C-alpha atoms as a PDB file:
ATOM      1  CA  UNK A   1     -36.999 -11.083  -0.007  1.00  0.00           C
ATOM      2  CA  UNK A   2     -33.290 -10.271   0.371  1.00  0.00           C
ATOM      3  CA  UNK A   3     -31.942 -10.147   3.910  1.00  0.00           C
ATOM      4  CA  UNK A   4     -30.534  -6.727   2.982  1.00  0.00           C
ATOM      5  CA  UNK A   5     -33.796  -5.368   1.554  1.00  0.00           C
ATOM      6  CA  UNK A   6     -33.771  -1.569   1.695  1.00  0.00           C
ATOM      7  CA  UNK A   7     -29.978  -1.473   1.692  1.00  0.00           C
ATOM      8  CA  UNK A   8     -29.593  -2.324  -1.995  1.00  0.00           C
ATOM      9  CA  UNK A   9     -27.601   0.848  -2.704  1.00  0.00           C
ATOM     10  CA  UNK A  10     -24.707  -0.345  -0.552  1.00  0.00           C
ATOM     11  CA  UNK A  11     -24.853  -4.131  -1.163  1.00  0.00           C
ATOM     12  CA  UNK A  12     -23.387  -6.070  -4.108  1.00  0.00           C
ATOM     13  CA  UNK A  13     -23.603  -9.839  -4.563  1.00  0.00           C
ATOM     14  CA  UNK A  14     -21.023 -12.347  -5.862  1.00  0.00           C
ATOM     15  CA  UNK A  15     -18.447  -9.580  -5.687  1.00  0.00           C
ATOM     16  CA  UNK A  16     -14.867 -10.327  -6.786  1.00  0.00           C
ATOM     17  CA  UNK A  17     -12.491  -9.423  -3.944  1.00  0.00           C
ATOM     18  CA  UNK A  18      -9.081  -9.778  -5.632  1.00  0.00           C
ATOM     19  CA  UNK A  19      -8.837  -6.118  -6.635  1.00  0.00           C
ATOM     20  CA  UNK A  20      -9.184  -5.105  -2.978  1.00  0.00           C
ATOM     21  CA  UNK A  21      -6.079  -6.983  -1.830  1.00  0.00           C
ATOM     22  CA  UNK A  22      -2.399  -6.216  -2.294  1.00  0.00           C
ATOM     23  CA  UNK A  23      -1.873  -9.742  -3.559  1.00  0.00           C
ATOM     24  CA  UNK A  24      -4.581  -9.276  -6.178  1.00  0.00           C
ATOM     25  CA  UNK A  25      -5.773 -12.798  -5.394  1.00  0.00           C
ATOM     26  CA  UNK A  26      -8.957 -14.443  -4.184  1.00  0.00           C
ATOM     27  CA  UNK A  27     -12.475 -15.310  -5.253  1.00  0.00           C
ATOM     28  CA  UNK A  28     -15.863 -13.664  -4.679  1.00  0.00           C
ATOM     29  CA  UNK A  29     -17.867 -12.847  -1.566  1.00  0.00           C
ATOM     30  CA  UNK A  30     -21.553 -13.630  -1.295  1.00  0.00           C
ATOM     31  CA  UNK A  31     -22.161 -10.011  -0.256  1.00  0.00           C
ATOM     32  CA  UNK A  32     -19.929  -6.941  -0.462  1.00  0.00           C
ATOM     33  CA  UNK A  33     -21.241  -4.056   1.633  1.00  0.00           C
ATOM     34  CA  UNK A  34     -20.075  -0.432   1.869  1.00  0.00           C
ATOM     35  CA  UNK A  35     -22.006   1.320   4.653  1.00  0.00           C
ATOM     36  CA  UNK A  36     -22.182   5.107   4.476  1.00  0.00           C
ATOM     37  CA  UNK A  37     -22.784   5.752   8.182  1.00  0.00           C
ATOM     38  CA  UNK A  38     -22.507   4.187  11.612  1.00  0.00           C
ATOM     39  CA  UNK A  39     -26.282   3.691  11.606  1.00  0.00           C
ATOM     40  CA  UNK A  40     -26.191   1.775   8.321  1.00  0.00           C
ATOM     41  CA  UNK A  41     -23.287  -0.297   9.572  1.00  0.00           C
ATOM     42  CA  UNK A  42     -25.215  -1.202  12.709  1.00  0.00           C
ATOM     43  CA  UNK A  43     -28.213  -2.274  10.612  1.00  0.00           C
ATOM     44  CA  UNK A  44     -25.975  -4.496   8.450  1.00  0.00           C
ATOM     45  CA  UNK A  45     -24.389  -6.109  11.507  1.00  0.00           C
ATOM     46  CA  UNK A  46     -27.802  -6.814  13.046  1.00  0.00           C
ATOM     47  CA  UNK A  47     -29.143  -8.400   9.850  1.00  0.00           C
ATOM     48  CA  UNK A  48     -26.049 -10.577   9.495  1.00  0.00           C
ATOM     49  CA  UNK A  49     -26.458 -11.785  13.075  1.00  0.00           C
ATOM     50  CA  UNK A  50     -30.203 -12.412  12.716  1.00  0.00           C
ATOM     51  CA  UNK A  51     -29.712 -14.414   9.496  1.00  0.00           C
ATOM     52  CA  UNK A  52     -26.607 -16.365  10.475  1.00  0.00           C
ATOM     53  CA  UNK A  53     -24.416 -14.670   7.855  1.00  0.00           C
ATOM     54  CA  UNK A  54     -20.713 -14.724   8.667  1.00  0.00           C
ATOM     55  CA  UNK A  55     -19.252 -11.239   8.707  1.00  0.00           C
ATOM     56  CA  UNK A  56     -15.798 -10.190   7.492  1.00  0.00           C
ATOM     57  CA  UNK A  57     -14.209  -6.737   7.650  1.00  0.00           C
ATOM     58  CA  UNK A  58     -11.922  -5.685   4.808  1.00  0.00           C
ATOM     59  CA  UNK A  59      -9.410  -2.892   5.283  1.00  0.00           C
ATOM     60  CA  UNK A  60      -6.871  -2.182   2.544  1.00  0.00           C
ATOM     61  CA  UNK A  61      -6.120  -5.885   2.029  1.00  0.00           C
ATOM     62  CA  UNK A  62      -2.409  -5.368   2.647  1.00  0.00           C
ATOM     63  CA  UNK A  63      -2.086  -8.162   5.197  1.00  0.00           C
ATOM     64  CA  UNK A  64      -4.648 -10.539   3.745  1.00  0.00           C
ATOM     65  CA  UNK A  65      -4.831 -13.655   1.593  1.00  0.00           C
ATOM     66  CA  UNK A  66      -8.263 -14.692   0.309  1.00  0.00           C
ATOM     67  CA  UNK A  67      -9.013 -18.216  -0.909  1.00  0.00           C
ATOM     68  CA  UNK A  68      -9.375 -18.787  -4.640  1.00  0.00           C
ATOM     69  CA  UNK A  69     -12.924 -19.933  -3.826  1.00  0.00           C
ATOM     70  CA  UNK A  70     -13.745 -16.644  -2.096  1.00  0.00           C
ATOM     71  CA  UNK A  71     -15.708 -16.387   1.151  1.00  0.00           C
ATOM     72  CA  UNK A  72     -19.216 -17.381   2.103  1.00  0.00           C
ATOM     73  CA  UNK A  73     -20.686 -14.467   3.987  1.00  0.00           C
ATOM     74  CA  UNK A  74     -20.739 -10.672   3.986  1.00  0.00           C
ATOM     75  CA  UNK A  75     -17.609  -8.560   3.541  1.00  0.00           C
ATOM     76  CA  UNK A  76     -17.861  -5.040   4.943  1.00  0.00           C
ATOM     77  CA  UNK A  77     -15.593  -2.263   3.709  1.00  0.00           C
ATOM     78  CA  UNK A  78     -15.554   1.065   5.550  1.00  0.00           C
ATOM     79  CA  UNK A  79     -14.545   3.352   2.708  1.00  0.00           C
ATOM     80  CA  UNK A  80     -17.120   6.147   2.805  1.00  0.00           C
ATOM     81  CA  UNK A  81     -16.157   9.705   3.785  1.00  0.00           C
ATOM     82  CA  UNK A  82     -17.682   9.112   7.200  1.00  0.00           C
ATOM     83  CA  UNK A  83     -15.228   6.316   8.004  1.00  0.00           C
ATOM     84  CA  UNK A  84     -12.216   8.091   6.443  1.00  0.00           C
ATOM     85  CA  UNK A  85     -12.075  11.080   8.772  1.00  0.00           C
ATOM     86  CA  UNK A  86      -9.041  12.251  10.711  1.00  0.00           C
ATOM     87  CA  UNK A  87      -9.475  14.963  13.346  1.00  0.00           C
ATOM     88  CA  UNK A  88      -6.714  16.889  15.131  1.00  0.00           C
ATOM     89  CA  UNK A  89      -7.241  18.489  18.552  1.00  0.00           C
ATOM     90  CA  UNK A  90      -3.894  19.614  19.937  1.00  0.00           C
ATOM     91  CA  UNK A  91      -1.803  16.483  20.391  1.00  0.00           C
ATOM     92  CA  UNK A  92      -4.840  14.156  20.189  1.00  0.00           C
ATOM     93  CA  UNK A  93      -5.643  12.585  16.830  1.00  0.00           C
ATOM     94  CA  UNK A  94      -8.940  10.810  16.178  1.00  0.00           C
ATOM     95  CA  UNK A  95      -8.494   8.559  13.154  1.00  0.00           C
ATOM     96  CA  UNK A  96     -11.439   6.606  11.774  1.00  0.00           C
ATOM     97  CA  UNK A  97     -11.080   2.942  10.812  1.00  0.00           C
ATOM     98  CA  UNK A  98     -11.200   3.445   7.045  1.00  0.00           C
ATOM     99  CA  UNK A  99      -8.561   6.169   6.968  1.00  0.00           C
ATOM    100  CA  UNK A 100      -5.312   5.444   5.119  1.00  0.00           C
ATOM    101  CA  UNK A 101      -2.579   4.871   7.712  1.00  0.00           C
ATOM    102  CA  UNK A 102       0.066   6.426   5.447  1.00  0.00           C
ATOM    103  CA  UNK A 103      -2.004   9.612   5.109  1.00  0.00           C
ATOM    104  CA  UNK A 104      -2.608   9.839   8.867  1.00  0.00           C
ATOM    105  CA  UNK A 105       1.138   9.440   9.483  1.00  0.00           C
ATOM    106  CA  UNK A 106       2.066  12.163   6.980  1.00  0.00           C
ATOM    107  CA  UNK A 107      -0.648  14.568   8.155  1.00  0.00           C
ATOM    108  CA  UNK A 108       0.496  14.114  11.762  1.00  0.00           C
ATOM    109  CA  UNK A 109       4.100  14.869  10.822  1.00  0.00           C
ATOM    110  CA  UNK A 110       3.006  18.011   8.960  1.00  0.00           C
ATOM    111  CA  UNK A 111       1.174  19.080  12.136  1.00  0.00           C
ATOM    112  CA  UNK A 112       4.448  18.748  14.055  1.00  0.00           C
ATOM    113  CA  UNK A 113       3.267  15.674  15.970  1.00  0.00           C
ATOM    114  CA  UNK A 114       5.672  12.803  16.673  1.00  0.00           C
ATOM    115  CA  UNK A 115       4.952   9.216  17.658  1.00  0.00           C
ATOM    116  CA  UNK A 116       3.789   7.438  14.503  1.00  0.00           C
ATOM    117  CA  UNK A 117       6.359   8.557  11.938  1.00  0.00           C
ATOM    118  CA  UNK A 118       8.004   5.122  12.332  1.00  0.00           C
ATOM    119  CA  UNK A 119       4.891   3.611  10.727  1.00  0.00           C
ATOM    120  CA  UNK A 120       5.673   5.165   7.356  1.00  0.00           C
ATOM    121  CA  UNK A 121       5.723   2.609   4.567  1.00  0.00           C
ATOM    122  CA  UNK A 122       3.261   0.307   6.345  1.00  0.00           C
ATOM    123  CA  UNK A 123       0.219   0.026   4.046  1.00  0.00           C
ATOM    124  CA  UNK A 124      -3.260  -0.418   5.406  1.00  0.00           C
ATOM    125  CA  UNK A 125      -6.225   1.179   7.110  1.00  0.00           C
ATOM    126  CA  UNK A 126      -6.169   2.580  10.627  1.00  0.00           C
ATOM    127  CA  UNK A 127      -8.641  -0.075  11.783  1.00  0.00           C
ATOM    128  CA  UNK A 128      -6.494  -2.942  10.545  1.00  0.00           C
ATOM    129  CA  UNK A 129      -3.317  -1.355  11.919  1.00  0.00           C
ATOM    130  CA  UNK A 130      -4.820  -0.960  15.394  1.00  0.00           C
ATOM    131  CA  UNK A 131      -6.281  -4.469  15.525  1.00  0.00           C
ATOM    132  CA  UNK A 132      -2.950  -6.157  14.696  1.00  0.00           C
ATOM    133  CA  UNK A 133      -0.781  -3.494  16.379  1.00  0.00           C
ATOM    134  CA  UNK A 134       1.049  -2.742  13.147  1.00  0.00           C
ATOM    135  CA  UNK A 135       4.682  -1.754  13.397  1.00  0.00           C
ATOM    136  CA  UNK A 136       8.222  -2.823  12.753  1.00  0.00           C
ATOM    137  CA  UNK A 137      11.783  -2.359  13.915  1.00  0.00           C
ATOM    138  CA  UNK A 138      11.115   1.238  14.904  1.00  0.00           C
ATOM    139  CA  UNK A 139       7.941   0.853  16.997  1.00  0.00           C
ATOM    140  CA  UNK A 140       4.241   0.050  16.767  1.00  0.00           C
ATOM    141  CA  UNK A 141       0.943   1.902  16.772  1.00  0.00           C
ATOM    142  CA  UNK A 142      -0.288   0.422  20.061  1.00  0.00           C
ATOM    143  CA  UNK A 143       2.185   2.538  22.021  1.00  0.00           C
ATOM    144  CA  UNK A 144       0.260   5.723  21.167  1.00  0.00           C
ATOM    145  CA  UNK A 145      -3.373   4.494  21.049  1.00  0.00           C
ATOM    146  CA  UNK A 146      -5.342   5.721  24.060  1.00  0.00           C
ATOM    147  CA  UNK A 147      -8.804   4.382  23.231  1.00  0.00           C
ATOM    148  CA  UNK A 148     -10.881   2.817  20.474  1.00  0.00           C
ATOM    149  CA  UNK A 149     -14.517   3.062  19.468  1.00  0.00           C
ATOM    150  CA  UNK A 150     -15.943  -0.376  18.666  1.00  0.00           C
ATOM    151  CA  UNK A 151     -19.141  -2.062  17.481  1.00  0.00           C
ATOM    152  CA  UNK A 152     -20.239  -5.428  18.841  1.00  0.00           C
ATOM    153  CA  UNK A 153     -22.142  -8.243  17.112  1.00  0.00           C
ATOM    154  CA  UNK A 154     -25.449  -6.637  18.135  1.00  0.00           C
ATOM    155  CA  UNK A 155     -24.610  -3.370  16.386  1.00  0.00           C
ATOM    156  CA  UNK A 156     -23.984  -1.536  19.649  1.00  0.00           C
ATOM    157  CA  UNK A 157     -21.192   1.060  19.845  1.00  0.00           C
ATOM    158  CA  UNK A 158     -18.891   1.167  22.871  1.00  0.00           C
ATOM    159  CA  UNK A 159     -15.402   2.350  23.840  1.00  0.00           C
ATOM    160  CA  UNK A 160     -12.378   0.570  25.232  1.00  0.00           C
ATOM    161  CA  UNK A 161      -9.514   2.523  26.789  1.00  0.00           C
ATOM    162  CA  UNK A 162      -6.160   1.812  28.380  1.00  0.00           C
ATOM    163  CA  UNK A 163      -5.390   0.080  30.674  1.00  0.00           C
ATOM    164  CA  UNK A 164      -8.345  -2.169  29.707  1.00  0.00           C
ATOM    165  CA  UNK A 165      -7.067  -1.857  26.134  1.00  0.00           C
ATOM    166  CA  UNK A 166      -3.727  -3.600  25.663  1.00  0.00           C
ATOM    167  CA  UNK A 167      -1.342  -4.359  22.816  1.00  0.00           C
ATOM    168  CA  UNK A 168       1.285  -7.012  22.260  1.00  0.00           C
ATOM    169  CA  UNK A 169       3.519  -8.012  19.367  1.00  0.00           C
ATOM    170  CA  UNK A 170       1.295  -7.881  16.250  1.00  0.00           C
ATOM    171  CA  UNK A 171      -1.810  -8.335  18.359  1.00  0.00           C
ATOM    172  CA  UNK A 172      -4.294  -6.592  20.627  1.00  0.00           C
ATOM    173  CA  UNK A 173      -7.013  -7.672  23.038  1.00  0.00           C
ATOM    174  CA  UNK A 174      -9.725  -6.206  20.794  1.00  0.00           C
ATOM    175  CA  UNK A 175     -12.304  -8.942  20.235  1.00  0.00           C
ATOM    176  CA  UNK A 176     -15.126  -6.807  18.796  1.00  0.00           C
ATOM    177  CA  UNK A 177     -15.646  -7.450  15.093  1.00  0.00           C
ATOM    178  CA  UNK A 178     -15.586  -3.785  14.100  1.00  0.00           C
ATOM    179  CA  UNK A 179     -13.221  -0.952  15.006  1.00  0.00           C
ATOM    180  CA  UNK A 180     -14.815   2.419  14.222  1.00  0.00           C
ATOM    181  CA  UNK A 181     -12.049   4.821  15.248  1.00  0.00           C
ATOM    182  CA  UNK A 182      -8.997   5.244  17.458  1.00  0.00           C
ATOM    183  CA  UNK A 183      -7.778   8.132  19.601  1.00  0.00           C
ATOM    184  CA  UNK A 184      -4.014   8.531  19.295  1.00  0.00           C
ATOM    185  CA  UNK A 185      -1.940  10.709  21.665  1.00  0.00           C
ATOM    186  CA  UNK A 186       1.144  12.161  19.996  1.00  0.00           C
ATOM    187  CA  UNK A 187       3.973  14.460  21.095  1.00  0.00           C
ATOM    188  CA  UNK A 188       4.510  17.982  19.714  1.00  0.00           C
ATOM    189  CA  UNK A 189       7.910  18.480  18.110  1.00  0.00           C
ATOM    190  CA  UNK A 190       9.878  20.090  15.309  1.00  0.00           C
ATOM    191  CA  UNK A 191       8.128  19.212  12.008  1.00  0.00           C
ATOM    192  CA  UNK A 192      11.427  19.212  10.084  1.00  0.00           C
ATOM    193  CA  UNK A 193      13.104  16.817  12.522  1.00  0.00           C
ATOM    194  CA  UNK A 194      10.059  14.518  12.563  1.00  0.00           C
ATOM    195  CA  UNK A 195      10.004  14.550   8.750  1.00  0.00           C
ATOM    196  CA  UNK A 196      13.694  13.587   8.672  1.00  0.00           C
ATOM    197  CA  UNK A 197      12.938  10.603  10.913  1.00  0.00           C
ATOM    198  CA  UNK A 198      10.080   9.613   8.598  1.00  0.00           C
ATOM    199  CA  UNK A 199      12.315   9.858   5.543  1.00  0.00           C
ATOM    200  CA  UNK A 200      15.090   7.792   7.168  1.00  0.00           C
ATOM    201  CA  UNK A 201      12.573   5.096   8.099  1.00  0.00           C
ATOM    202  CA  UNK A 202      11.175   5.058   4.561  1.00  0.00           C
ATOM    203  CA  UNK A 203      14.633   4.782   2.971  1.00  0.00           C
ATOM    204  CA  UNK A 204      15.496   1.855   5.256  1.00  0.00           C
ATOM    205  CA  UNK A 205      12.310  -0.007   4.281  1.00  0.00           C
ATOM    206  CA  UNK A 206      12.742   0.760   0.595  1.00  0.00           C
ATOM    207  CA  UNK A 207      16.260  -0.692   0.680  1.00  0.00           C
ATOM    208  CA  UNK A 208      15.319  -3.839   2.602  1.00  0.00           C
ATOM    209  CA  UNK A 209      11.825  -4.789   1.418  1.00  0.00           C
ATOM    210  CA  UNK A 210      10.382  -5.723  -2.025  1.00  0.00           C
ATOM    211  CA  UNK A 211       7.947  -2.816  -2.007  1.00  0.00           C
ATOM    212  CA  UNK A 212       7.224  -2.746  -5.750  1.00  0.00           C
ATOM    213  CA  UNK A 213       5.900  -6.297  -5.930  1.00  0.00           C
ATOM    214  CA  UNK A 214       2.583  -8.017  -5.226  1.00  0.00           C
ATOM    215  CA  UNK A 215       2.999  -9.089  -1.605  1.00  0.00           C
ATOM    216  CA  UNK A 216       1.260  -8.809   1.752  1.00  0.00           C
ATOM    217  CA  UNK A 217       4.155  -7.646   3.908  1.00  0.00           C
ATOM    218  CA  UNK A 218       5.850  -9.973   6.364  1.00  0.00           C
ATOM    219  CA  UNK A 219       4.270 -13.418   6.187  1.00  0.00           C
ATOM    220  CA  UNK A 220       5.507 -14.737   9.554  1.00  0.00           C
ATOM    221  CA  UNK A 221       5.815 -13.212  13.004  1.00  0.00           C
ATOM    222  CA  UNK A 222       9.305 -13.006  14.438  1.00  0.00           C
ATOM    223  CA  UNK A 223       9.857 -15.758  17.038  1.00  0.00           C
ATOM    224  CA  UNK A 224      10.888 -14.357  20.407  1.00  0.00           C
ATOM    225  CA  UNK A 225      14.467 -13.113  20.166  1.00  0.00           C
ATOM    226  CA  UNK A 226      14.814 -14.164  16.525  1.00  0.00           C
ATOM    227  CA  UNK A 227      14.104 -12.930  13.015  1.00  0.00           C
ATOM    228  CA  UNK A 228      11.730 -14.965  10.850  1.00  0.00           C
ATOM    229  CA  UNK A 229      13.356 -13.551   7.729  1.00  0.00           C
ATOM    230  CA  UNK A 230      16.836 -14.521   8.919  1.00  0.00           C
ATOM    231  CA  UNK A 231      15.705 -18.075   9.729  1.00  0.00           C
ATOM    232  CA  UNK A 232      14.131 -18.478   6.286  1.00  0.00           C
ATOM    233  CA  UNK A 233      17.259 -17.064   4.667  1.00  0.00           C
ATOM    234  CA  UNK A 234      19.570 -19.369   6.663  1.00  0.00           C
ATOM    235  CA  UNK A 235      17.405 -22.306   5.577  1.00  0.00           C
ATOM    236  CA  UNK A 236      18.305 -21.402   1.991  1.00  0.00           C
ATOM    237  CA  UNK A 237      14.744 -20.628   0.990  1.00  0.00           C
ATOM    238  CA  UNK A 238      15.143 -17.311  -0.816  1.00  0.00           C
ATOM    239  CA  UNK A 239      13.848 -17.858  -4.333  1.00  0.00           C
ATOM    240  CA  UNK A 240      11.881 -20.985  -3.392  1.00  0.00           C
ATOM    241  CA  UNK A 241       8.835 -21.146  -5.638  1.00  0.00           C
ATOM    242  CA  UNK A 242       5.507 -22.971  -5.667  1.00  0.00           C
ATOM    243  CA  UNK A 243       3.402 -22.256  -8.737  1.00  0.00           C
ATOM    244  CA  UNK A 244       3.333 -18.473  -9.093  1.00  0.00           C
ATOM    245  CA  UNK A 245       4.362 -17.765  -5.484  1.00  0.00           C
ATOM    246  CA  UNK A 246       8.014 -17.084  -4.678  1.00  0.00           C
ATOM    247  CA  UNK A 247      10.014 -16.273  -1.547  1.00  0.00           C
ATOM    248  CA  UNK A 248      11.507 -12.822  -2.153  1.00  0.00           C
ATOM    249  CA  UNK A 249      15.225 -12.612  -2.934  1.00  0.00           C
ATOM    250  CA  UNK A 250      15.310  -9.217  -1.200  1.00  0.00           C
ATOM    251  CA  UNK A 251      13.610 -10.123   2.105  1.00  0.00           C
ATOM    252  CA  UNK A 252      12.964 -13.779   2.933  1.00  0.00           C
ATOM    253  CA  UNK A 253       9.885 -13.031   5.045  1.00  0.00           C
ATOM    254  CA  UNK A 254       8.042 -11.719   1.980  1.00  0.00           C
ATOM    255  CA  UNK A 255       6.232 -14.008  -0.455  1.00  0.00           C
ATOM    256  CA  UNK A 256       5.727 -12.408  -3.851  1.00  0.00           C
ATOM    257  CA  UNK A 257       2.835 -13.244  -6.187  1.00  0.00           C
ATOM    258  CA  UNK A 258       4.076 -13.542  -9.758  1.00  0.00           C
ATOM    259  CA  UNK A 259       2.165 -13.934 -13.016  1.00  0.00           C
ATOM    260  CA  UNK A 260      -0.605 -16.557 -12.890  1.00  0.00           C
ATOM    261  CA  UNK A 261      -0.197 -16.963  -9.112  1.00  0.00           C
ATOM    262  CA  UNK A 262      -3.127 -18.442  -7.196  1.00  0.00           C
ATOM    263  CA  UNK A 263      -3.905 -18.165  -3.497  1.00  0.00           C
ATOM    264  CA  UNK A 264      -3.318 -21.894  -3.135  1.00  0.00           C
ATOM    265  CA  UNK A 265       0.259 -21.378  -4.399  1.00  0.00           C
ATOM    266  CA  UNK A 266       0.918 -18.909  -1.590  1.00  0.00           C
ATOM    267  CA  UNK A 267      -0.620 -21.234   1.000  1.00  0.00           C
ATOM    268  CA  UNK A 268       1.475 -24.189  -0.172  1.00  0.00           C
ATOM    269  CA  UNK A 269       4.629 -22.091  -0.128  1.00  0.00           C
ATOM    270  CA  UNK A 270       3.848 -20.904   3.403  1.00  0.00           C
ATOM    271  CA  UNK A 271       3.500 -24.543   4.491  1.00  0.00           C
ATOM    272  CA  UNK A 272       6.761 -25.488   2.742  1.00  0.00           C
ATOM    273  CA  UNK A 273       8.704 -22.657   4.396  1.00  0.00           C
ATOM    274  CA  UNK A 274       7.259 -23.428   7.816  1.00  0.00           C
ATOM    275  CA  UNK A 275       8.112 -27.131   7.452  1.00  0.00           C
ATOM    276  CA  UNK A 276      11.705 -26.463   6.329  1.00  0.00           C
ATOM    277  CA  UNK A 277      12.389 -23.994   9.149  1.00  0.00           C
ATOM    278  CA  UNK A 278      10.936 -26.453  11.692  1.00  0.00           C
ATOM    279  CA  UNK A 279      13.191 -29.221  10.335  1.00  0.00           C
ATOM    280  CA  UNK A 280      16.365 -27.152  10.416  1.00  0.00           C
ATOM    281  CA  UNK A 281      15.940 -24.997  13.531  1.00  0.00           C
ATOM    282  CA  UNK A 282      13.100 -26.633  15.504  1.00  0.00           C
ATOM    283  CA  UNK A 283      11.208 -23.323  15.346  1.00  0.00           C
ATOM    284  CA  UNK A 284       7.540 -23.179  14.373  1.00  0.00           C
ATOM    285  CA  UNK A 285       6.829 -19.977  12.468  1.00  0.00           C
ATOM    286  CA  UNK A 286       3.492 -18.343  13.238  1.00  0.00           C
ATOM    287  CA  UNK A 287       1.640 -16.579  10.411  1.00  0.00           C
ATOM    288  CA  UNK A 288       1.328 -12.813  10.580  1.00  0.00           C
ATOM    289  CA  UNK A 289      -1.066 -12.548   7.643  1.00  0.00           C
ATOM    290  CA  UNK A 290      -4.798 -13.133   7.832  1.00  0.00           C
ATOM    291  CA  UNK A 291      -6.195 -15.898   5.624  1.00  0.00           C
ATOM    292  CA  UNK A 292      -9.850 -16.067   4.576  1.00  0.00           C
ATOM    293  CA  UNK A 293     -10.810 -19.591   3.451  1.00  0.00           C
END
């Protein structure tokens, strides 16, 4: 009997994951599960725990590299209507984990709410953005998140709020496997002015990042007081290539997947860049992307 007996409608086996990542790379998962409700999600989490099945959560795959061999375990994707909701109550926005961050940003701007317009151009789900405190030169999402709804390894739902909830550079203190939703407090303002700020941010990113390529955003975190991209550039690594993976000529902190690229090519290029930067500047670059091996 399958460990997911009775949940066959939402479970697929030996499921190819590549199409769910921005890199378009990676092998299959033992189980690919798309719960339709919080109750179903809880049941899946409980069965994984009871049967020793490792659990992964897949957002939009924009900050993720999956091994060519895939992953042994269950990959959960919160893509049903239930997990895609966004609710507006005055200046408080409740965004569910599966919602598209870009859509939430644009809808907030149209409502005349400021505070996340600087996140335009950052691909991903709300859940993934909150967990890693997504952001850039203009700010990050953690500055406006008031609380999150979470699910623990036993399938129990609970909330975590500030000041117990804290955010740092590309990180948070959220240890629960699953983020269900986030409450975001924004500031009312002039919709036209907020839209202008959004457009200026988008133009800046479009001019400085290789947006129309297969990539996963910035590969390395910026060392304190320094720019990872500038260090890689100064090391002369723009255009460096391993197999089908290449350091972008437009922004050195982006690694682009070209034709016939494999995940192992990206991993080897990451190692090569890190080694060269350590040799030249005695700086160890820390990965910003998540790797499933």
